[in-house]
Amino acid sequence: MLVLTKNKQAIEGSHDDYKLFQFMCKLEMNHIYEALEGQRKNTHIDLDTHQEYVDTLVVQLNLLQYVVGIV
């Protein structure tokens, strides 16, 4: 019975960790969306640097969406 109790706690702990991880990923995705929206409105920027920054944010966003989708 002790082994079953420990396993159940490990599973519940993992589930809580997953929910926290998922929440943190979604929070970061929201920050990226906000940054992208802010960059779209910014007209006084170096276009080469701007495009590299936007591309990096899009890649990060895609990776986070993928991770949340498979976990």
N, C-alpha and C. Protein backbone atom coordinates (compact mmCIF):
# COMPACT_ATOMS: atom_id res chain seq x y z
N MET A 1 0.82 -1.20 0.00
CA MET A 1 0.00 0.00 0.00
C MET A 1 0.86 1.26 0.00
N LEU A 2 1.98 1.23 0.69
CA LEU A 2 2.88 2.37 0.76
C LEU A 2 3.43 2.72 -0.62
N VAL A 3 3.78 1.69 -1.39
CA VAL A 3 4.31 1.92 -2.74
C VAL A 3 3.26 2.59 -3.62
N LEU A 4 2.03 2.14 -3.54
CA LEU A 4 0.96 2.74 -4.34
C LEU A 4 0.74 4.20 -3.95
N THR A 5 0.80 4.49 -2.68
CA THR A 5 0.63 5.86 -2.21
C THR A 5 1.74 6.76 -2.74
N LYS A 6 2.97 6.28 -2.68
CA LYS A 6 4.10 7.07 -3.18
C LYS A 6 3.97 7.30 -4.68
N ASN A 7 3.58 6.27 -5.43
CA ASN A 7 3.42 6.42 -6.88
C ASN A 7 2.32 7.42 -7.21
N LYS A 8 1.23 7.36 -6.47
CA LYS A 8 0.13 8.29 -6.71
C LYS A 8 0.59 9.72 -6.46
N GLN A 9 1.37 9.93 -5.40
CA GLN A 9 1.88 11.27 -5.11
C GLN A 9 2.83 11.74 -6.21
N ALA A 10 3.64 10.84 -6.74
CA ALA A 10 4.57 11.20 -7.81
C ALA A 10 3.81 11.61 -9.06
N ILE A 11 2.74 10.88 -9.37
CA ILE A 11 1.93 11.21 -10.55
C ILE A 11 1.24 12.55 -10.35
N GLU A 12 0.67 12.77 -9.18
CA GLU A 12 0.00 14.05 -8.91
C GLU A 12 1.00 15.20 -8.94
N GLY A 13 2.19 14.97 -8.40
CA GLY A 13 3.23 15.99 -8.42
C GLY A 13 3.64 16.33 -9.84
N SER A 14 3.78 15.32 -10.68
CA SER A 14 4.13 15.53 -12.08
C SER A 14 3.05 16.33 -12.79
N HIS A 15 1.80 16.02 -12.48
CA HIS A 15 0.69 16.74 -13.11
C HIS A 15 0.72 18.21 -12.72
N ASP A 16 0.98 18.48 -11.44
CA ASP A 16 1.08 19.87 -10.98
C ASP A 16 2.25 20.58 -11.65
N ASP A 17 3.38 19.87 -11.79
CA ASP A 17 4.55 20.45 -12.46
C ASP A 17 4.22 20.76 -13.91
N TYR A 18 3.49 19.85 -14.58
CA TYR A 18 3.10 20.07 -15.96
C TYR A 18 2.20 21.30 -16.08
N LYS A 19 1.23 21.42 -15.19
CA LYS A 19 0.32 22.57 -15.24
C LYS A 19 1.09 23.88 -15.04
N LEU A 20 2.04 23.88 -14.12
CA LEU A 20 2.87 25.07 -13.90
C LEU A 20 3.71 25.36 -15.14
N PHE A 21 4.32 24.33 -15.72
CA PHE A 21 5.12 24.49 -16.93
C PHE A 21 4.27 25.04 -18.07
N GLN A 22 3.08 24.47 -18.24
CA GLN A 22 2.17 24.92 -19.29
C GLN A 22 1.77 26.38 -19.06
N PHE A 23 1.49 26.74 -17.83
CA PHE A 23 1.13 28.11 -17.51
C PHE A 23 2.27 29.06 -17.85
N MET A 24 3.50 28.68 -17.48
CA MET A 24 4.66 29.54 -17.74
C MET A 24 4.89 29.69 -19.25
N CYS A 25 4.71 28.62 -20.00
CA CYS A 25 4.86 28.70 -21.46
C CYS A 25 3.81 29.64 -22.06
N LYS A 26 2.58 29.51 -21.61
CA LYS A 26 1.52 30.37 -22.13
C LYS A 26 1.74 31.83 -21.74
N LEU A 27 2.25 32.06 -20.54
CA LEU A 27 2.57 33.41 -20.11
C LEU A 27 3.66 34.00 -21.01
N GLU A 28 4.68 33.22 -21.30
CA GLU A 28 5.76 33.68 -22.18
C GLU A 28 5.23 33.94 -23.59
N MET A 29 4.31 33.08 -24.07
CA MET A 29 3.72 33.31 -25.39
C MET A 29 2.96 34.63 -25.41
N ASN A 30 2.25 34.94 -24.34
CA ASN A 30 1.54 36.22 -24.28
C ASN A 30 2.51 37.39 -24.32
N HIS A 31 3.64 37.26 -23.63
CA HIS A 31 4.66 38.32 -23.65
C HIS A 31 5.22 38.50 -25.06
N ILE A 32 5.41 37.39 -25.76
CA ILE A 32 5.92 37.47 -27.14
C ILE A 32 4.89 38.13 -28.04
N TYR A 33 3.62 37.76 -27.90
CA TYR A 33 2.56 38.42 -28.69
C TYR A 33 2.57 39.92 -28.44
N GLU A 34 2.70 40.32 -27.18
CA GLU A 34 2.73 41.75 -26.85
C GLU A 34 3.95 42.42 -27.46
N ALA A 35 5.10 41.76 -27.41
CA ALA A 35 6.32 42.33 -28.00
C ALA A 35 6.18 42.46 -29.51
N LEU A 36 5.59 41.46 -30.15
CA LEU A 36 5.39 41.53 -31.60
C LEU A 36 4.43 42.66 -31.96
N GLU A 37 3.38 42.80 -31.18
CA GLU A 37 2.43 43.89 -31.43
C GLU A 37 3.12 45.24 -31.25
N GLY A 38 3.94 45.37 -30.24
CA GLY A 38 4.67 46.61 -30.02
C GLY A 38 5.66 46.90 -31.14
N GLN A 39 6.30 45.86 -31.66
CA GLN A 39 7.25 46.05 -32.76
C GLN A 39 6.53 46.47 -34.04
N ARG A 40 5.34 45.97 -34.23
CA ARG A 40 4.58 46.32 -35.43
C ARG A 40 4.25 47.81 -35.44
N LYS A 41 4.04 48.38 -34.27
CA LYS A 41 3.67 49.79 -34.16
C LYS A 41 4.87 50.72 -34.18
N ASN A 42 6.08 50.19 -33.95
CA ASN A 42 7.28 51.01 -33.85
C ASN A 42 7.78 51.37 -35.25
N THR A 43 7.84 52.66 -35.56
CA THR A 43 8.25 53.09 -36.90
C THR A 43 9.68 53.63 -36.94
N HIS A 44 10.30 53.89 -35.80
CA HIS A 44 11.64 54.46 -35.74
C HIS A 44 12.65 53.38 -35.35
N ILE A 45 12.90 52.43 -36.28
CA ILE A 45 13.80 51.32 -35.97
C ILE A 45 14.67 51.00 -37.17
N ASP A 46 15.78 50.32 -36.91
CA ASP A 46 16.64 49.79 -37.96
C ASP A 46 15.96 48.54 -38.52
N LEU A 47 15.63 48.55 -39.80
CA LEU A 47 14.84 47.46 -40.37
C LEU A 47 15.55 46.11 -40.30
N ASP A 48 16.87 46.07 -40.48
CA ASP A 48 17.58 44.79 -40.41
C ASP A 48 17.52 44.21 -39.00
N THR A 49 17.79 45.02 -38.02
CA THR A 49 17.73 44.57 -36.62
C THR A 49 16.30 44.20 -36.26
N HIS A 50 15.37 45.00 -36.70
CA HIS A 50 13.96 44.76 -36.41
C HIS A 50 13.53 43.40 -36.95
N GLN A 51 13.86 43.09 -38.19
CA GLN A 51 13.44 41.83 -38.79
C GLN A 51 14.05 40.64 -38.07
N GLU A 52 15.32 40.75 -37.69
CA GLU A 52 15.97 39.67 -36.96
C GLU A 52 15.30 39.45 -35.60
N TYR A 53 14.96 40.53 -34.92
CA TYR A 53 14.28 40.45 -33.62
C TYR A 53 12.90 39.80 -33.77
N VAL A 54 12.16 40.23 -34.77
CA VAL A 54 10.82 39.67 -35.00
C VAL A 54 10.93 38.19 -35.36
N ASP A 55 11.87 37.84 -36.22
CA ASP A 55 12.05 36.44 -36.59
C ASP A 55 12.37 35.58 -35.36
N THR A 56 13.22 36.09 -34.48
CA THR A 56 13.57 35.37 -33.26
C THR A 56 12.35 35.17 -32.37
N LEU A 57 11.54 36.21 -32.22
CA LEU A 57 10.32 36.09 -31.41
C LEU A 57 9.36 35.07 -32.00
N VAL A 58 9.23 35.06 -33.31
CA VAL A 58 8.32 34.11 -33.97
C VAL A 58 8.82 32.67 -33.76
N VAL A 59 10.12 32.46 -33.88
CA VAL A 59 10.68 31.13 -33.65
C VAL A 59 10.43 30.69 -32.20
N GLN A 60 10.67 31.58 -31.25
CA GLN A 60 10.42 31.25 -29.84
C GLN A 60 8.95 30.91 -29.61
N LEU A 61 8.08 31.68 -30.20
CA LEU A 61 6.65 31.44 -30.06
C LEU A 61 6.26 30.09 -30.63
N ASN A 62 6.77 29.77 -31.81
CA ASN A 62 6.47 28.48 -32.43
C ASN A 62 6.98 27.32 -31.59
N LEU A 63 8.17 27.46 -31.03
CA LEU A 63 8.72 26.40 -30.18
C LEU A 63 7.88 26.20 -28.92
N LEU A 64 7.47 27.29 -28.30
CA LEU A 64 6.63 27.18 -27.10
C LEU A 64 5.29 26.54 -27.43
N GLN A 65 4.69 26.91 -28.55
CA GLN A 65 3.42 26.30 -28.95
C GLN A 65 3.59 24.80 -29.17
N TYR A 66 4.70 24.42 -29.79
CA TYR A 66 4.99 23.01 -30.04
C TYR A 66 5.15 22.25 -28.72
N VAL A 67 5.92 22.82 -27.80
CA VAL A 67 6.17 22.16 -26.51
C VAL A 67 4.87 21.98 -25.74
N VAL A 68 4.06 23.02 -25.68
CA VAL A 68 2.79 22.92 -24.96
C VAL A 68 1.89 21.89 -25.62
N GLY A 69 1.95 21.80 -26.94
CA GLY A 69 1.12 20.85 -27.67
C GLY A 69 1.49 19.39 -27.45
N ILE A 70 2.78 19.11 -27.24
CA ILE A 70 3.20 17.71 -27.12
C ILE A 70 3.33 17.24 -25.68
N VAL A 71 3.42 18.16 -24.73
CA VAL A 71 3.63 17.75 -23.33
C VAL A 71 2.33 17.34 -22.70
